[in-house]
PDB file of N, CA and C in Angstrom:
ATOM      1  N   MET A   1      10.180 -18.099   4.934  1.00  0.00           N
ATOM      2  CA  MET A   1       9.504 -16.893   4.510  1.00  0.00           C
ATOM      3  C   MET A   1      10.397 -15.700   4.840  1.00  0.00           C
ATOM      4  N   SER A   2      10.491 -14.750   3.887  1.00  0.00           N
ATOM      5  CA  SER A   2      11.337 -13.589   4.111  1.00  0.00           C
ATOM      6  C   SER A   2      10.650 -12.614   5.056  1.00  0.00           C
ATOM      7  N   LYS A   3      11.467 -11.753   5.652  1.00  0.00           N
ATOM      8  CA  LYS A   3      10.910 -10.754   6.554  1.00  0.00           C
ATOM      9  C   LYS A   3       9.988  -9.832   5.771  1.00  0.00           C
ATOM     10  N   THR A   4       8.897  -9.415   6.396  1.00  0.00           N
ATOM     11  CA  THR A   4       7.874  -8.665   5.676  1.00  0.00           C
ATOM     12  C   THR A   4       8.381  -7.321   5.152  1.00  0.00           C
ATOM     13  N   LEU A   5       9.333  -6.703   5.803  1.00  0.00           N
ATOM     14  CA  LEU A   5       9.827  -5.417   5.319  1.00  0.00           C
ATOM     15  C   LEU A   5      10.527  -5.540   3.975  1.00  0.00           C
ATOM     16  N   HIS A   6      10.991  -6.723   3.646  1.00  0.00           N
ATOM     17  CA  HIS A   6      11.740  -6.911   2.412  1.00  0.00           C
ATOM     18  C   HIS A   6      10.935  -7.634   1.336  1.00  0.00           C
ATOM     19  N   ARG A   7       9.692  -7.897   1.607  1.00  0.00           N
ATOM     20  CA  ARG A   7       8.853  -8.587   0.623  1.00  0.00           C
ATOM     21  C   ARG A   7       8.318  -7.591  -0.396  1.00  0.00           C
ATOM     22  N   PRO A   8       8.170  -8.008  -1.641  1.00  0.00           N
ATOM     23  CA  PRO A   8       7.634  -7.104  -2.661  1.00  0.00           C
ATOM     24  C   PRO A   8       6.239  -6.581  -2.306  1.00  0.00           C
ATOM     25  N   GLU A   9       5.457  -7.379  -1.615  1.00  0.00           N
ATOM     26  CA  GLU A   9       4.113  -6.963  -1.237  1.00  0.00           C
ATOM     27  C   GLU A   9       4.139  -5.745  -0.318  1.00  0.00           C
ATOM     28  N   THR A  10       5.165  -5.663   0.508  1.00  0.00           N
ATOM     29  CA  THR A  10       5.274  -4.514   1.403  1.00  0.00           C
ATOM     30  C   THR A  10       5.456  -3.239   0.601  1.00  0.00           C
ATOM     31  N   GLN A  11       6.302  -3.291  -0.412  1.00  0.00           N
ATOM     32  CA  GLN A  11       6.503  -2.116  -1.263  1.00  0.00           C
ATOM     33  C   GLN A  11       5.211  -1.755  -1.995  1.00  0.00           C
ATOM     34  N   LEU A  12       4.460  -2.752  -2.439  1.00  0.00           N
ATOM     35  CA  LEU A  12       3.179  -2.478  -3.090  1.00  0.00           C
ATOM     36  C   LEU A  12       2.206  -1.791  -2.140  1.00  0.00           C
ATOM     37  N   LEU A  13       2.184  -2.215  -0.885  1.00  0.00           N
ATOM     38  CA  LEU A  13       1.303  -1.587   0.102  1.00  0.00           C
ATOM     39  C   LEU A  13       1.715  -0.146   0.355  1.00  0.00           C
ATOM     40  N   ILE A  14       3.000   0.087   0.489  1.00  0.00           N
ATOM     41  CA  ILE A  14       3.487   1.449   0.716  1.00  0.00           C
ATOM     42  C   ILE A  14       3.092   2.349  -0.459  1.00  0.00           C
ATOM     43  N   GLU A  15       3.281   1.850  -1.675  1.00  0.00           N
ATOM     44  CA  GLU A  15       2.898   2.623  -2.862  1.00  0.00           C
ATOM     45  C   GLU A  15       1.399   2.883  -2.885  1.00  0.00           C
ATOM     46  N   LEU A  16       0.613   1.888  -2.511  1.00  0.00           N
ATOM     47  CA  LEU A  16      -0.839   2.045  -2.480  1.00  0.00           C
ATOM     48  C   LEU A  16      -1.253   3.102  -1.459  1.00  0.00           C
ATOM     49  N   LEU A  17      -0.639   3.087  -0.295  1.00  0.00           N
ATOM     50  CA  LEU A  17      -0.972   4.086   0.726  1.00  0.00           C
ATOM     51  C   LEU A  17      -0.653   5.489   0.223  1.00  0.00           C
ATOM     52  N   ARG A  18       0.512   5.655  -0.385  1.00  0.00           N
ATOM     53  CA  ARG A  18       0.897   6.963  -0.923  1.00  0.00           C
ATOM     54  C   ARG A  18      -0.052   7.365  -2.058  1.00  0.00           C
ATOM     55  N   ASP A  19      -0.299   6.440  -2.986  1.00  0.00           N
ATOM     56  CA  ASP A  19      -1.180   6.743  -4.112  1.00  0.00           C
ATOM     57  C   ASP A  19      -2.590   7.095  -3.646  1.00  0.00           C
ATOM     58  N   SER A  20      -3.069   6.404  -2.631  1.00  0.00           N
ATOM     59  CA  SER A  20      -4.424   6.679  -2.137  1.00  0.00           C
ATOM     60  C   SER A  20      -4.501   8.055  -1.483  1.00  0.00           C
ATOM     61  N   ARG A  21      -3.446   8.458  -0.802  1.00  0.00           N
ATOM     62  CA  ARG A  21      -3.411   9.802  -0.214  1.00  0.00           C
ATOM     63  C   ARG A  21      -3.419  10.857  -1.315  1.00  0.00           C
ATOM     64  N   VAL A  22      -2.581  10.648  -2.326  1.00  0.00           N
ATOM     65  CA  VAL A  22      -2.498  11.601  -3.433  1.00  0.00           C
ATOM     66  C   VAL A  22      -3.833  11.660  -4.182  1.00  0.00           C
ATOM     67  N   ALA A  23      -4.463  10.506  -4.411  1.00  0.00           N
ATOM     68  CA  ALA A  23      -5.758  10.465  -5.098  1.00  0.00           C
ATOM     69  C   ALA A  23      -6.834  11.207  -4.309  1.00  0.00           C
ATOM     70  N   ALA A  24      -6.689  11.225  -2.990  1.00  0.00           N
ATOM     71  CA  ALA A  24      -7.630  11.950  -2.137  1.00  0.00           C
ATOM     72  C   ALA A  24      -7.297  13.446  -2.104  1.00  0.00           C
ATOM     73  N   ASP A  25      -6.248  13.824  -2.845  1.00  0.00           N
ATOM     74  CA  ASP A  25      -5.813  15.216  -2.945  1.00  0.00           C
ATOM     75  C   ASP A  25      -5.420  15.778  -1.582  1.00  0.00           C
ATOM     76  N   LEU A  26      -4.705  14.952  -0.816  1.00  0.00           N
ATOM     77  CA  LEU A  26      -4.222  15.367   0.497  1.00  0.00           C
ATOM     78  C   LEU A  26      -2.703  15.394   0.508  1.00  0.00           C
ATOM     79  N   THR A  27      -2.159  16.402   1.149  1.00  0.00           N
ATOM     80  CA  THR A  27      -0.720  16.416   1.395  1.00  0.00           C
ATOM     81  C   THR A  27      -0.443  15.549   2.622  1.00  0.00           C
ATOM     82  N   GLN A  28       0.815  15.255   2.838  1.00  0.00           N
ATOM     83  CA  GLN A  28       1.167  14.515   4.054  1.00  0.00           C
ATOM     84  C   GLN A  28       0.734  15.296   5.289  1.00  0.00           C
ATOM     85  N   ALA A  29       0.914  16.602   5.265  1.00  0.00           N
ATOM     86  CA  ALA A  29       0.541  17.432   6.415  1.00  0.00           C
ATOM     87  C   ALA A  29      -0.966  17.383   6.659  1.00  0.00           C
ATOM     88  N   GLN A  30      -1.749  17.437   5.589  1.00  0.00           N
ATOM     89  CA  GLN A  30      -3.208  17.390   5.749  1.00  0.00           C
ATOM     90  C   GLN A  30      -3.661  16.042   6.287  1.00  0.00           C
ATOM     91  N   LEU A  31      -3.074  14.958   5.768  1.00  0.00           N
ATOM     92  CA  LEU A  31      -3.442  13.632   6.261  1.00  0.00           C
ATOM     93  C   LEU A  31      -3.029  13.474   7.716  1.00  0.00           C
ATOM     94  N   SER A  32      -1.845  13.929   8.042  1.00  0.00           N
ATOM     95  CA  SER A  32      -1.387  13.785   9.426  1.00  0.00           C
ATOM     96  C   SER A  32      -2.297  14.557  10.380  1.00  0.00           C
ATOM     97  N   GLU A  33      -2.789  15.708   9.939  1.00  0.00           N
ATOM     98  CA  GLU A  33      -3.721  16.474  10.763  1.00  0.00           C
ATOM     99  C   GLU A  33      -5.009  15.683  10.980  1.00  0.00           C
ATOM    100  N   GLN A  34      -5.514  15.053   9.907  1.00  0.00           N
ATOM    101  CA  GLN A  34      -6.719  14.228  10.015  1.00  0.00           C
ATOM    102  C   GLN A  34      -6.501  13.075  11.005  1.00  0.00           C
ATOM    103  N   LEU A  35      -5.285  12.540  11.002  1.00  0.00           N
ATOM    104  CA  LEU A  35      -4.962  11.406  11.860  1.00  0.00           C
ATOM    105  C   LEU A  35      -4.589  11.828  13.283  1.00  0.00           C
ATOM    106  N   GLY A  36      -4.382  13.117  13.494  1.00  0.00           N
ATOM    107  CA  GLY A  36      -3.952  13.594  14.807  1.00  0.00           C
ATOM    108  C   GLY A  36      -2.511  13.209  15.108  1.00  0.00           C
ATOM    109  N   ARG A  37      -1.712  13.132  14.058  1.00  0.00           N
ATOM    110  CA  ARG A  37      -0.305  12.729  14.190  1.00  0.00           C
ATOM    111  C   ARG A  37       0.582  13.798  13.574  1.00  0.00           C
ATOM    112  N   ALA A  38       1.876  13.681  13.831  1.00  0.00           N
ATOM    113  CA  ALA A  38       2.850  14.578  13.207  1.00  0.00           C
ATOM    114  C   ALA A  38       3.005  14.206  11.736  1.00  0.00           C
ATOM    115  N   GLN A  39       3.380  15.178  10.920  1.00  0.00           N
ATOM    116  CA  GLN A  39       3.593  14.927   9.493  1.00  0.00           C
ATOM    117  C   GLN A  39       4.643  13.859   9.287  1.00  0.00           C
ATOM    118  N   SER A  40       5.607  13.775  10.172  1.00  0.00           N
ATOM    119  CA  SER A  40       6.666  12.766  10.044  1.00  0.00           C
ATOM    120  C   SER A  40       6.110  11.352  10.137  1.00  0.00           C
ATOM    121  N   PHE A  41       4.973  11.174  10.804  1.00  0.00           N
ATOM    122  CA  PHE A  41       4.341   9.860  10.881  1.00  0.00           C
ATOM    123  C   PHE A  41       3.957   9.386   9.482  1.00  0.00           C
ATOM    124  N   VAL A  42       3.266  10.239   8.719  1.00  0.00           N
ATOM    125  CA  VAL A  42       2.852   9.884   7.359  1.00  0.00           C
ATOM    126  C   VAL A  42       4.085   9.670   6.494  1.00  0.00           C
ATOM    127  N   SER A  43       5.056  10.541   6.628  1.00  0.00           N
ATOM    128  CA  SER A  43       6.287  10.400   5.860  1.00  0.00           C
ATOM    129  C   SER A  43       6.971   9.071   6.156  1.00  0.00           C
ATOM    130  N   ASP A  44       7.057   8.723   7.421  1.00  0.00           N
ATOM    131  CA  ASP A  44       7.697   7.459   7.808  1.00  0.00           C
ATOM    132  C   ASP A  44       6.950   6.252   7.222  1.00  0.00           C
ATOM    133  N   VAL A  45       5.630   6.300   7.231  1.00  0.00           N
ATOM    134  CA  VAL A  45       4.836   5.210   6.654  1.00  0.00           C
ATOM    135  C   VAL A  45       5.125   5.104   5.164  1.00  0.00           C
ATOM    136  N   GLU A  46       5.107   6.225   4.472  1.00  0.00           N
ATOM    137  CA  GLU A  46       5.269   6.222   3.023  1.00  0.00           C
ATOM    138  C   GLU A  46       6.698   5.911   2.577  1.00  0.00           C
ATOM    139  N   ARG A  47       7.644   6.011   3.489  1.00  0.00           N
ATOM    140  CA  ARG A  47       9.025   5.627   3.176  1.00  0.00           C
ATOM    141  C   ARG A  47       9.336   4.213   3.651  1.00  0.00           C
ATOM    142  N   GLY A  48       8.367   3.567   4.266  1.00  0.00           N
ATOM    143  CA  GLY A  48       8.576   2.208   4.739  1.00  0.00           C
ATOM    144  C   GLY A  48       9.346   2.137   6.044  1.00  0.00           C
ATOM    145  N   GLN A  49       9.420   3.256   6.750  1.00  0.00           N
ATOM    146  CA  GLN A  49      10.140   3.297   8.018  1.00  0.00           C
ATOM    147  C   GLN A  49       9.244   2.967   9.206  1.00  0.00           C
ATOM    148  N   ARG A  50       7.949   3.013   8.984  1.00  0.00           N
ATOM    149  CA  ARG A  50       6.983   2.727  10.051  1.00  0.00           C
ATOM    150  C   ARG A  50       5.876   1.863   9.471  1.00  0.00           C
ATOM    151  N   ARG A  51       5.491   0.864  10.227  1.00  0.00           N
ATOM    152  CA  ARG A  51       4.394  -0.011   9.817  1.00  0.00           C
ATOM    153  C   ARG A  51       3.134   0.367  10.573  1.00  0.00           C
ATOM    154  N   LEU A  52       2.002   0.137   9.926  1.00  0.00           N
ATOM    155  CA  LEU A  52       0.719   0.431  10.544  1.00  0.00           C
ATOM    156  C   LEU A  52       0.075  -0.851  11.045  1.00  0.00           C
ATOM    157  N   ASP A  53      -0.577  -0.765  12.201  1.00  0.00           N
ATOM    158  CA  ASP A  53      -1.388  -1.899  12.617  1.00  0.00           C
ATOM    159  C   ASP A  53      -2.764  -1.755  11.956  1.00  0.00           C
ATOM    160  N   LEU A  54      -3.621  -2.720  12.150  1.00  0.00           N
ATOM    161  CA  LEU A  54      -4.909  -2.746  11.463  1.00  0.00           C
ATOM    162  C   LEU A  54      -5.773  -1.536  11.817  1.00  0.00           C
ATOM    163  N   VAL A  55      -5.764  -1.138  13.059  1.00  0.00           N
ATOM    164  CA  VAL A  55      -6.567   0.012  13.489  1.00  0.00           C
ATOM    165  C   VAL A  55      -6.041   1.286  12.831  1.00  0.00           C
ATOM    166  N   GLN A  56      -4.729   1.446  12.788  1.00  0.00           N
ATOM    167  CA  GLN A  56      -4.138   2.620  12.143  1.00  0.00           C
ATOM    168  C   GLN A  56      -4.427   2.620  10.637  1.00  0.00           C
ATOM    169  N   LEU A  57      -4.389   1.455  10.035  1.00  0.00           N
ATOM    170  CA  LEU A  57      -4.695   1.342   8.612  1.00  0.00           C
ATOM    171  C   LEU A  57      -6.144   1.745   8.344  1.00  0.00           C
ATOM    172  N   ARG A  58      -7.024   1.322   9.204  1.00  0.00           N
ATOM    173  CA  ARG A  58      -8.444   1.695   9.081  1.00  0.00           C
ATOM    174  C   ARG A  58      -8.614   3.203   9.240  1.00  0.00           C
ATOM    175  N   ASP A  59      -7.892   3.797  10.183  1.00  0.00           N
ATOM    176  CA  ASP A  59      -7.934   5.254  10.373  1.00  0.00           C
ATOM    177  C   ASP A  59      -7.419   5.983   9.136  1.00  0.00           C
ATOM    178  N   TRP A  60      -6.343   5.465   8.541  1.00  0.00           N
ATOM    179  CA  TRP A  60      -5.770   6.052   7.321  1.00  0.00           C
ATOM    180  C   TRP A  60      -6.842   6.081   6.227  1.00  0.00           C
ATOM    181  N   CYS A  61      -7.520   4.942   6.063  1.00  0.00           N
ATOM    182  CA  CYS A  61      -8.562   4.844   5.040  1.00  0.00           C
ATOM    183  C   CYS A  61      -9.672   5.865   5.291  1.00  0.00           C
ATOM    184  N   ALA A  62     -10.126   5.949   6.518  1.00  0.00           N
ATOM    185  CA  ALA A  62     -11.202   6.891   6.849  1.00  0.00           C
ATOM    186  C   ALA A  62     -10.756   8.328   6.577  1.00  0.00           C
ATOM    187  N   ALA A  63      -9.521   8.645   6.889  1.00  0.00           N
ATOM    188  CA  ALA A  63      -9.017  10.003   6.705  1.00  0.00           C
ATOM    189  C   ALA A  63      -8.911  10.389   5.237  1.00  0.00           C
ATOM    190  N   ILE A  64      -8.731   9.417   4.357  1.00  0.00           N
ATOM    191  CA  ILE A  64      -8.657   9.723   2.925  1.00  0.00           C
ATOM    192  C   ILE A  64     -10.001   9.531   2.234  1.00  0.00           C
ATOM    193  N   GLY A  65     -11.043   9.222   3.020  1.00  0.00           N
ATOM    194  CA  GLY A  65     -12.385   9.065   2.464  1.00  0.00           C
ATOM    195  C   GLY A  65     -12.603   7.714   1.804  1.00  0.00           C
ATOM    196  N   SER A  66     -11.920   6.694   2.294  1.00  0.00           N
ATOM    197  CA  SER A  66     -12.051   5.355   1.738  1.00  0.00           C
ATOM    198  C   SER A  66     -12.409   4.386   2.859  1.00  0.00           C
ATOM    199  N   THR A  67     -12.309   3.107   2.550  1.00  0.00           N
ATOM    200  CA  THR A  67     -12.595   2.084   3.551  1.00  0.00           C
ATOM    201  C   THR A  67     -11.487   1.038   3.540  1.00  0.00           C
ATOM    202  N   LEU A  68     -11.384   0.340   4.622  1.00  0.00           N
ATOM    203  CA  LEU A  68     -10.401  -0.735   4.712  1.00  0.00           C
ATOM    204  C   LEU A  68     -10.680  -1.840   3.692  1.00  0.00           C
ATOM    205  N   PRO A  69     -11.932  -2.291   3.516  1.00  0.00           N
ATOM    206  CA  PRO A  69     -12.176  -3.320   2.498  1.00  0.00           C
ATOM    207  C   PRO A  69     -11.759  -2.877   1.093  1.00  0.00           C
ATOM    208  N   LYS A  70     -11.978  -1.617   0.739  1.00  0.00           N
ATOM    209  CA  LYS A  70     -11.562  -1.128  -0.578  1.00  0.00           C
ATOM    210  C   LYS A  70     -10.038  -1.149  -0.686  1.00  0.00           C
ATOM    211  N   LEU A  71      -9.360  -0.731   0.351  1.00  0.00           N
ATOM    212  CA  LEU A  71      -7.896  -0.737   0.327  1.00  0.00           C
ATOM    213  C   LEU A  71      -7.378  -2.160   0.145  1.00  0.00           C
ATOM    214  N   VAL A  72      -7.976  -3.109   0.829  1.00  0.00           N
ATOM    215  CA  VAL A  72      -7.555  -4.508   0.706  1.00  0.00           C
ATOM    216  C   VAL A  72      -7.803  -5.012  -0.717  1.00  0.00           C
ATOM    217  N   ARG A  73      -8.965  -4.684  -1.293  1.00  0.00           N
ATOM    218  CA  ARG A  73      -9.235  -5.086  -2.687  1.00  0.00           C
ATOM    219  C   ARG A  73      -8.197  -4.489  -3.639  1.00  0.00           C
ATOM    220  N   ASP A  74      -7.903  -3.202  -3.462  1.00  0.00           N
ATOM    221  CA  ASP A  74      -6.907  -2.541  -4.313  1.00  0.00           C
ATOM    222  C   ASP A  74      -5.533  -3.171  -4.131  1.00  0.00           C
ATOM    223  N   PHE A  75      -5.208  -3.523  -2.914  1.00  0.00           N
ATOM    224  CA  PHE A  75      -3.928  -4.167  -2.619  1.00  0.00           C
ATOM    225  C   PHE A  75      -3.832  -5.521  -3.320  1.00  0.00           C
ATOM    226  N   GLU A  76      -4.892  -6.312  -3.218  1.00  0.00           N
ATOM    227  CA  GLU A  76      -4.906  -7.622  -3.872  1.00  0.00           C
ATOM    228  C   GLU A  76      -4.793  -7.481  -5.394  1.00  0.00           C
ATOM    229  N   GLN A  77      -5.437  -6.470  -5.944  1.00  0.00           N
ATOM    230  CA  GLN A  77      -5.350  -6.239  -7.387  1.00  0.00           C
ATOM    231  C   GLN A  77      -3.923  -5.884  -7.795  1.00  0.00           C
ATOM    232  N   ARG A  78      -3.258  -5.097  -6.992  1.00  0.00           N
ATOM    233  CA  ARG A  78      -1.865  -4.741  -7.302  1.00  0.00           C
ATOM    234  C   ARG A  78      -0.959  -5.968  -7.223  1.00  0.00           C
ATOM    235  N   ILE A  79      -1.213  -6.821  -6.259  1.00  0.00           N
ATOM    236  CA  ILE A  79      -0.413  -8.045  -6.149  1.00  0.00           C
ATOM    237  C   ILE A  79      -0.635  -8.915  -7.383  1.00  0.00           C
ATOM    238  N   GLU A  80      -1.901  -9.077  -7.771  1.00  0.00           N
ATOM    239  CA  GLU A  80      -2.204  -9.878  -8.964  1.00  0.00           C
ATOM    240  C   GLU A  80      -1.552  -9.284 -10.204  1.00  0.00           C
ATOM    241  N   ALA A  81      -1.617  -7.983 -10.349  1.00  0.00           N
ATOM    242  CA  ALA A  81      -1.021  -7.326 -11.516  1.00  0.00           C
ATOM    243  C   ALA A  81       0.499  -7.488 -11.520  1.00  0.00           C
ATOM    244  N   ALA A  82       1.100  -7.429 -10.350  1.00  0.00           N
ATOM    245  CA  ALA A  82       2.553  -7.589 -10.253  1.00  0.00           C
ATOM    246  C   ALA A  82       2.966  -9.020 -10.562  1.00  0.00           C
ATOM    247  N   ASP A  83       2.109  -9.978 -10.229  1.00  0.00           N
ATOM    248  CA  ASP A  83       2.416 -11.389 -10.464  1.00  0.00           C
ATOM    249  C   ASP A  83       2.206 -11.816 -11.913  1.00  0.00           C
ATOM    250  N   LYS A  84       1.348 -11.133 -12.646  1.00  0.00           N
ATOM    251  CA  LYS A  84       1.024 -11.547 -14.012  1.00  0.00           C
ATOM    252  C   LYS A  84       2.228 -11.602 -14.931  1.00  0.00           C
ATOM    253  N   PRO A  85       3.084 -10.569 -14.989  1.00  0.00           N
ATOM    254  CA  PRO A  85       4.246 -10.670 -15.886  1.00  0.00           C
ATOM    255  C   PRO A  85       5.154 -11.840 -15.525  1.00  0.00           C
ATOM    256  N   ALA A  86       5.335 -12.084 -14.251  1.00  0.00           N
ATOM    257  CA  ALA A  86       6.192 -13.194 -13.823  1.00  0.00           C
ATOM    258  C   ALA A  86       5.575 -14.518 -14.243  1.00  0.00           C
ATOM    259  N   THR A  87       4.267 -14.640 -14.116  1.00  0.00           N
ATOM    260  CA  THR A  87       3.580 -15.863 -14.515  1.00  0.00           C
ATOM    261  C   THR A  87       3.694 -16.056 -16.021  1.00  0.00           C
ATOM    262  N   SER A  88       3.490 -14.987 -16.792  1.00  0.00           N
ATOM    263  CA  SER A  88       3.594 -15.081 -18.252  1.00  0.00           C
ATOM    264  C   SER A  88       4.996 -15.473 -18.670  1.00  0.00           C
ATOM    265  N   LEU A  89       6.001 -14.920 -18.000  1.00  0.00           N
ATOM    266  CA  LEU A  89       7.387 -15.225 -18.318  1.00  0.00           C
ATOM    267  C   LEU A  89       7.685 -16.688 -18.020  1.00  0.00           C
ATOM    268  N   ARG A  90       7.212 -17.179 -16.892  1.00  0.00           N
ATOM    269  CA  ARG A  90       7.430 -18.581 -16.537  1.00  0.00           C
ATOM    270  C   ARG A  90       6.767 -19.490 -17.563  1.00  0.00           C
ATOM    271  N   ARG A  91       5.567 -19.134 -17.969  1.00  0.00           N
ATOM    272  CA  ARG A  91       4.850 -19.962 -18.950  1.00  0.00           C
ATOM    273  C   ARG A  91       5.587 -19.973 -20.279  1.00  0.00           C
ATOM    274  N   SER A  92       6.130 -18.829 -20.685  1.00  0.00           N
ATOM    275  CA  SER A  92       6.817 -18.782 -21.973  1.00  0.00           C
ATOM    276  C   SER A  92       8.112 -19.594 -21.920  1.00  0.00           C
ATOM    277  N   ARG A  93       8.736 -19.646 -20.769  1.00  0.00           N
ATOM    278  CA  ARG A  93       9.965 -20.420 -20.635  1.00  0.00           C
ATOM    279  C   ARG A  93       9.693 -21.926 -20.644  1.00  0.00           C
ATOM    280  N   THR A  94       8.530 -22.313 -20.120  1.00  0.00           N
ATOM    281  CA  THR A  94       8.193 -23.736 -20.069  1.00  0.00           C
ATOM    282  C   THR A  94       7.466 -24.187 -21.324  1.00  0.00           C
ATOM    283  N   GLY A  95       7.023 -23.204 -22.121  1.00  0.00           N
ATOM    284  CA  GLY A  95       6.304 -23.553 -23.341  1.00  0.00           C
ATOM    285  C   GLY A  95       4.843 -23.852 -23.112  1.00  0.00           C
ATOM    286  N   ARG A  96       4.358 -23.611 -21.899  1.00  0.00           N
ATOM    287  CA  ARG A  96       2.936 -23.840 -21.590  1.00  0.00           C
ATOM    288  C   ARG A  96       2.182 -22.533 -21.693  1.00  0.00           C
ATOM    289  N   ALA A  97       0.969 -22.597 -22.158  1.00  0.00           N
ATOM    290  CA  ALA A  97       0.145 -21.387 -22.273  1.00  0.00           C
ATOM    291  C   ALA A  97      -0.847 -21.286 -21.160  1.00  0.00           C
TER     292      ALA A  97
END
């Protein structure tokens, strides 16, 4: 198994965190204030330089007006969507539908 920082799923999670902040109409500075952290903390997370533990992820969700279960559902949907083109391509190469 590859290291998690280099897995495609990690990039999808980072994009989801950034997109969820933007959808909540929050700047990095506003979110960091909600979290009681420096703005560089949010920036580091969104650049993939810092990983969040489960408690921090839950706090992130609460600060953007969401929930951890919703974030997980959205994450799984992004993974499925990212996998679909690859699955379709594999099927077309094998001739199976």
